[in-house]
Amino acid sequence: MLRIVVPDLGIRVRDYLADTAKHPGAHHRQMFDARSLVHMLQGAGFPAPEVRTFSSSRISEIAEIELACRRSESLYVEATK
């Protein structure tokens, strides 16, 4: 099981286009939206990546490590081989 949580490029683009918030993303070298991250995982041999939400996981202990402060800005994807 692989769970990836990254800044959601889709949210940042929508905010930029609506001019409601500025998200510089300066600490990230690459950004993903749901489609691009799922596609990358499929290319790496994960047959059915699933876009998930905060605290929604097949990992039973996810609540112990999930960061609520990142909830509104993150993209969550899980995949298994």
N, C-alpha and C. Protein backbone atom coordinates (compact mmCIF):
# COMPACT_ATOMS: atom_id res chain seq x y z
N MET A 1 0.85 -1.18 0.00
CA MET A 1 0.00 0.00 0.00
C MET A 1 0.89 1.23 0.00
N LEU A 2 0.61 2.12 -0.90
CA LEU A 2 1.32 3.40 -0.99
C LEU A 2 0.30 4.51 -0.86
N ARG A 3 0.54 5.45 0.03
CA ARG A 3 -0.32 6.63 0.17
C ARG A 3 0.57 7.84 -0.07
N ILE A 4 0.18 8.63 -1.04
CA ILE A 4 0.92 9.84 -1.37
C ILE A 4 0.04 11.04 -1.06
N VAL A 5 0.59 12.00 -0.35
CA VAL A 5 -0.10 13.25 -0.04
C VAL A 5 0.80 14.38 -0.52
N VAL A 6 0.30 15.15 -1.46
CA VAL A 6 1.07 16.25 -2.04
C VAL A 6 0.18 17.49 -2.14
N PRO A 7 0.79 18.67 -2.28
CA PRO A 7 -0.04 19.85 -2.53
C PRO A 7 -0.84 19.63 -3.82
N ASP A 8 -2.10 19.99 -3.80
CA ASP A 8 -2.99 19.76 -4.94
C ASP A 8 -2.87 20.91 -5.94
N LEU A 9 -2.27 20.63 -7.08
CA LEU A 9 -2.12 21.64 -8.12
C LEU A 9 -3.47 22.16 -8.60
N GLY A 10 -4.47 21.29 -8.65
CA GLY A 10 -5.80 21.71 -9.08
C GLY A 10 -6.36 22.80 -8.20
N ILE A 11 -6.20 22.68 -6.89
CA ILE A 11 -6.66 23.71 -5.95
C ILE A 11 -5.91 25.01 -6.20
N ARG A 12 -4.63 24.91 -6.36
CA ARG A 12 -3.81 26.12 -6.56
C ARG A 12 -4.16 26.84 -7.85
N VAL A 13 -4.41 26.09 -8.91
CA VAL A 13 -4.78 26.71 -10.18
C VAL A 13 -6.15 27.38 -10.07
N ARG A 14 -7.11 26.69 -9.45
CA ARG A 14 -8.44 27.30 -9.27
C ARG A 14 -8.36 28.58 -8.44
N ASP A 15 -7.57 28.56 -7.37
CA ASP A 15 -7.39 29.77 -6.55
C ASP A 15 -6.75 30.88 -7.36
N TYR A 16 -5.75 30.53 -8.15
CA TYR A 16 -5.07 31.54 -8.97
C TYR A 16 -6.03 32.16 -9.98
N LEU A 17 -6.80 31.32 -10.67
CA LEU A 17 -7.73 31.83 -11.67
C LEU A 17 -8.84 32.68 -11.04
N ALA A 18 -9.24 32.31 -9.83
CA ALA A 18 -10.28 33.08 -9.14
C ALA A 18 -9.69 34.28 -8.41
N ASP A 19 -8.36 34.34 -8.36
CA ASP A 19 -7.64 35.41 -7.66
C ASP A 19 -8.09 35.52 -6.20
N THR A 20 -8.31 34.35 -5.56
CA THR A 20 -8.76 34.35 -4.17
C THR A 20 -7.62 34.10 -3.18
N ALA A 21 -6.55 33.51 -3.65
CA ALA A 21 -5.44 33.21 -2.74
C ALA A 21 -4.16 33.03 -3.55
N LYS A 22 -3.07 33.27 -2.93
CA LYS A 22 -1.77 33.07 -3.57
C LYS A 22 -1.05 31.93 -2.87
N HIS A 23 -0.63 30.96 -3.64
CA HIS A 23 0.09 29.79 -3.13
C HIS A 23 1.39 29.67 -3.91
N PRO A 24 2.48 30.13 -3.37
CA PRO A 24 3.73 30.12 -4.13
C PRO A 24 4.27 28.74 -4.43
N GLY A 25 4.07 27.76 -3.54
CA GLY A 25 4.59 26.42 -3.78
C GLY A 25 6.10 26.38 -3.91
N ALA A 26 6.78 27.29 -3.28
CA ALA A 26 8.22 27.44 -3.46
C ALA A 26 9.05 26.25 -3.02
N HIS A 27 8.52 25.44 -2.14
CA HIS A 27 9.30 24.32 -1.61
C HIS A 27 9.14 23.05 -2.42
N HIS A 28 8.37 23.08 -3.48
CA HIS A 28 8.11 21.87 -4.27
C HIS A 28 8.68 22.02 -5.67
N ARG A 29 9.40 21.00 -6.08
CA ARG A 29 10.02 21.01 -7.41
C ARG A 29 9.04 20.57 -8.50
N GLN A 30 8.06 19.79 -8.12
CA GLN A 30 7.07 19.30 -9.06
C GLN A 30 5.72 19.29 -8.37
N MET A 31 4.65 19.56 -9.14
CA MET A 31 3.32 19.56 -8.56
C MET A 31 2.42 18.67 -9.40
N PHE A 32 1.38 18.14 -8.76
CA PHE A 32 0.47 17.22 -9.41
C PHE A 32 -0.97 17.62 -9.16
N ASP A 33 -1.81 17.29 -10.13
CA ASP A 33 -3.24 17.26 -9.89
C ASP A 33 -3.62 15.79 -9.85
N ALA A 34 -4.87 15.48 -9.58
CA ALA A 34 -5.28 14.09 -9.43
C ALA A 34 -4.97 13.28 -10.69
N ARG A 35 -5.29 13.82 -11.84
CA ARG A 35 -5.08 13.08 -13.09
C ARG A 35 -3.62 12.77 -13.33
N SER A 36 -2.74 13.73 -13.11
CA SER A 36 -1.32 13.49 -13.40
C SER A 36 -0.69 12.53 -12.40
N LEU A 37 -1.09 12.59 -11.13
CA LEU A 37 -0.53 11.69 -10.13
C LEU A 37 -1.02 10.25 -10.36
N VAL A 38 -2.29 10.09 -10.65
CA VAL A 38 -2.82 8.76 -10.95
C VAL A 38 -2.11 8.18 -12.18
N HIS A 39 -1.94 8.99 -13.21
CA HIS A 39 -1.26 8.54 -14.43
C HIS A 39 0.18 8.10 -14.14
N MET A 40 0.89 8.88 -13.34
CA MET A 40 2.27 8.54 -13.00
C MET A 40 2.33 7.21 -12.23
N LEU A 41 1.42 7.01 -11.29
CA LEU A 41 1.40 5.77 -10.53
C LEU A 41 1.05 4.57 -11.41
N GLN A 42 0.14 4.75 -12.34
CA GLN A 42 -0.18 3.67 -13.28
C GLN A 42 1.04 3.31 -14.12
N GLY A 43 1.78 4.31 -14.55
CA GLY A 43 3.01 4.08 -15.31
C GLY A 43 4.08 3.38 -14.50
N ALA A 44 4.02 3.50 -13.18
CA ALA A 44 4.99 2.85 -12.30
C ALA A 44 4.52 1.45 -11.89
N GLY A 45 3.42 0.99 -12.48
CA GLY A 45 2.98 -0.37 -12.22
C GLY A 45 1.88 -0.54 -11.19
N PHE A 46 1.30 0.55 -10.74
CA PHE A 46 0.16 0.46 -9.82
C PHE A 46 -1.10 0.46 -10.67
N PRO A 47 -1.83 -0.66 -10.74
CA PRO A 47 -2.92 -0.77 -11.71
C PRO A 47 -4.15 0.11 -11.45
N ALA A 48 -4.46 0.41 -10.20
CA ALA A 48 -5.71 1.14 -9.93
C ALA A 48 -5.55 2.14 -8.78
N PRO A 49 -4.76 3.19 -8.98
CA PRO A 49 -4.64 4.21 -7.92
C PRO A 49 -5.99 4.84 -7.65
N GLU A 50 -6.23 5.17 -6.39
CA GLU A 50 -7.51 5.77 -5.98
C GLU A 50 -7.28 7.13 -5.33
N VAL A 51 -7.99 8.12 -5.80
CA VAL A 51 -7.97 9.43 -5.15
C VAL A 51 -8.80 9.29 -3.88
N ARG A 52 -8.22 9.70 -2.77
CA ARG A 52 -8.88 9.59 -1.48
C ARG A 52 -9.07 10.99 -0.89
N THR A 53 -9.58 11.05 0.31
CA THR A 53 -9.73 12.32 1.01
C THR A 53 -9.03 12.24 2.35
N PHE A 54 -8.93 13.36 3.02
CA PHE A 54 -8.31 13.42 4.33
C PHE A 54 -8.94 12.37 5.25
N SER A 55 -8.10 11.59 5.88
CA SER A 55 -8.51 10.57 6.85
C SER A 55 -9.29 9.41 6.26
N SER A 56 -9.47 9.39 4.96
CA SER A 56 -10.12 8.27 4.28
C SER A 56 -9.02 7.41 3.69
N SER A 57 -8.85 6.21 4.25
CA SER A 57 -7.74 5.37 3.83
C SER A 57 -8.01 3.91 4.13
N ARG A 58 -7.34 3.05 3.39
CA ARG A 58 -7.35 1.63 3.72
C ARG A 58 -6.30 1.32 4.78
N ILE A 59 -5.53 2.32 5.18
CA ILE A 59 -4.55 2.18 6.25
C ILE A 59 -5.29 2.43 7.56
N SER A 60 -5.41 1.43 8.39
CA SER A 60 -6.25 1.54 9.59
C SER A 60 -5.77 2.61 10.58
N GLU A 61 -4.47 2.85 10.66
CA GLU A 61 -3.93 3.81 11.62
C GLU A 61 -3.71 5.20 11.03
N ILE A 62 -4.36 5.52 9.94
CA ILE A 62 -4.08 6.78 9.23
C ILE A 62 -4.33 8.01 10.12
N ALA A 63 -5.28 7.94 11.02
CA ALA A 63 -5.57 9.09 11.88
C ALA A 63 -4.39 9.47 12.76
N GLU A 64 -3.51 8.53 13.02
CA GLU A 64 -2.35 8.81 13.88
C GLU A 64 -1.29 9.66 13.19
N ILE A 65 -1.29 9.67 11.86
CA ILE A 65 -0.24 10.40 11.15
C ILE A 65 -0.75 11.51 10.23
N GLU A 66 -2.04 11.53 9.94
CA GLU A 66 -2.60 12.53 9.02
C GLU A 66 -2.52 13.91 9.66
N LEU A 67 -2.12 14.90 8.88
CA LEU A 67 -1.99 16.28 9.37
C LEU A 67 -3.21 17.11 8.97
N ALA A 68 -4.04 17.45 9.94
CA ALA A 68 -5.25 18.23 9.67
C ALA A 68 -4.93 19.60 9.06
N CYS A 69 -3.79 20.16 9.39
CA CYS A 69 -3.43 21.49 8.87
C CYS A 69 -3.21 21.48 7.36
N ARG A 70 -3.01 20.31 6.76
CA ARG A 70 -2.80 20.20 5.31
C ARG A 70 -4.06 19.79 4.56
N ARG A 71 -5.13 19.57 5.30
CA ARG A 71 -6.38 19.02 4.75
C ARG A 71 -6.91 19.78 3.54
N SER A 72 -6.96 21.09 3.62
CA SER A 72 -7.60 21.89 2.58
C SER A 72 -6.72 22.15 1.37
N GLU A 73 -5.47 21.73 1.42
CA GLU A 73 -4.55 22.03 0.31
C GLU A 73 -3.94 20.79 -0.34
N SER A 74 -4.31 19.61 0.16
CA SER A 74 -3.61 18.40 -0.27
C SER A 74 -4.44 17.50 -1.17
N LEU A 75 -3.70 16.74 -1.96
CA LEU A 75 -4.23 15.69 -2.81
C LEU A 75 -3.79 14.37 -2.20
N TYR A 76 -4.72 13.44 -2.03
CA TYR A 76 -4.45 12.15 -1.41
C TYR A 76 -4.71 11.05 -2.43
N VAL A 77 -3.71 10.21 -2.66
CA VAL A 77 -3.86 9.08 -3.59
C VAL A 77 -3.26 7.84 -2.95
N GLU A 78 -3.98 6.73 -3.06
CA GLU A 78 -3.49 5.44 -2.56
C GLU A 78 -3.44 4.45 -3.70
N ALA A 79 -2.46 3.56 -3.63
CA ALA A 79 -2.31 2.53 -4.66
C ALA A 79 -1.67 1.29 -4.07
N THR A 80 -1.98 0.16 -4.65
CA THR A 80 -1.35 -1.10 -4.25
C THR A 80 -0.88 -1.83 -5.49
N LYS A 81 0.13 -2.67 -5.31
CA LYS A 81 0.62 -3.51 -6.41
C LYS A 81 0.21 -4.92 -6.14
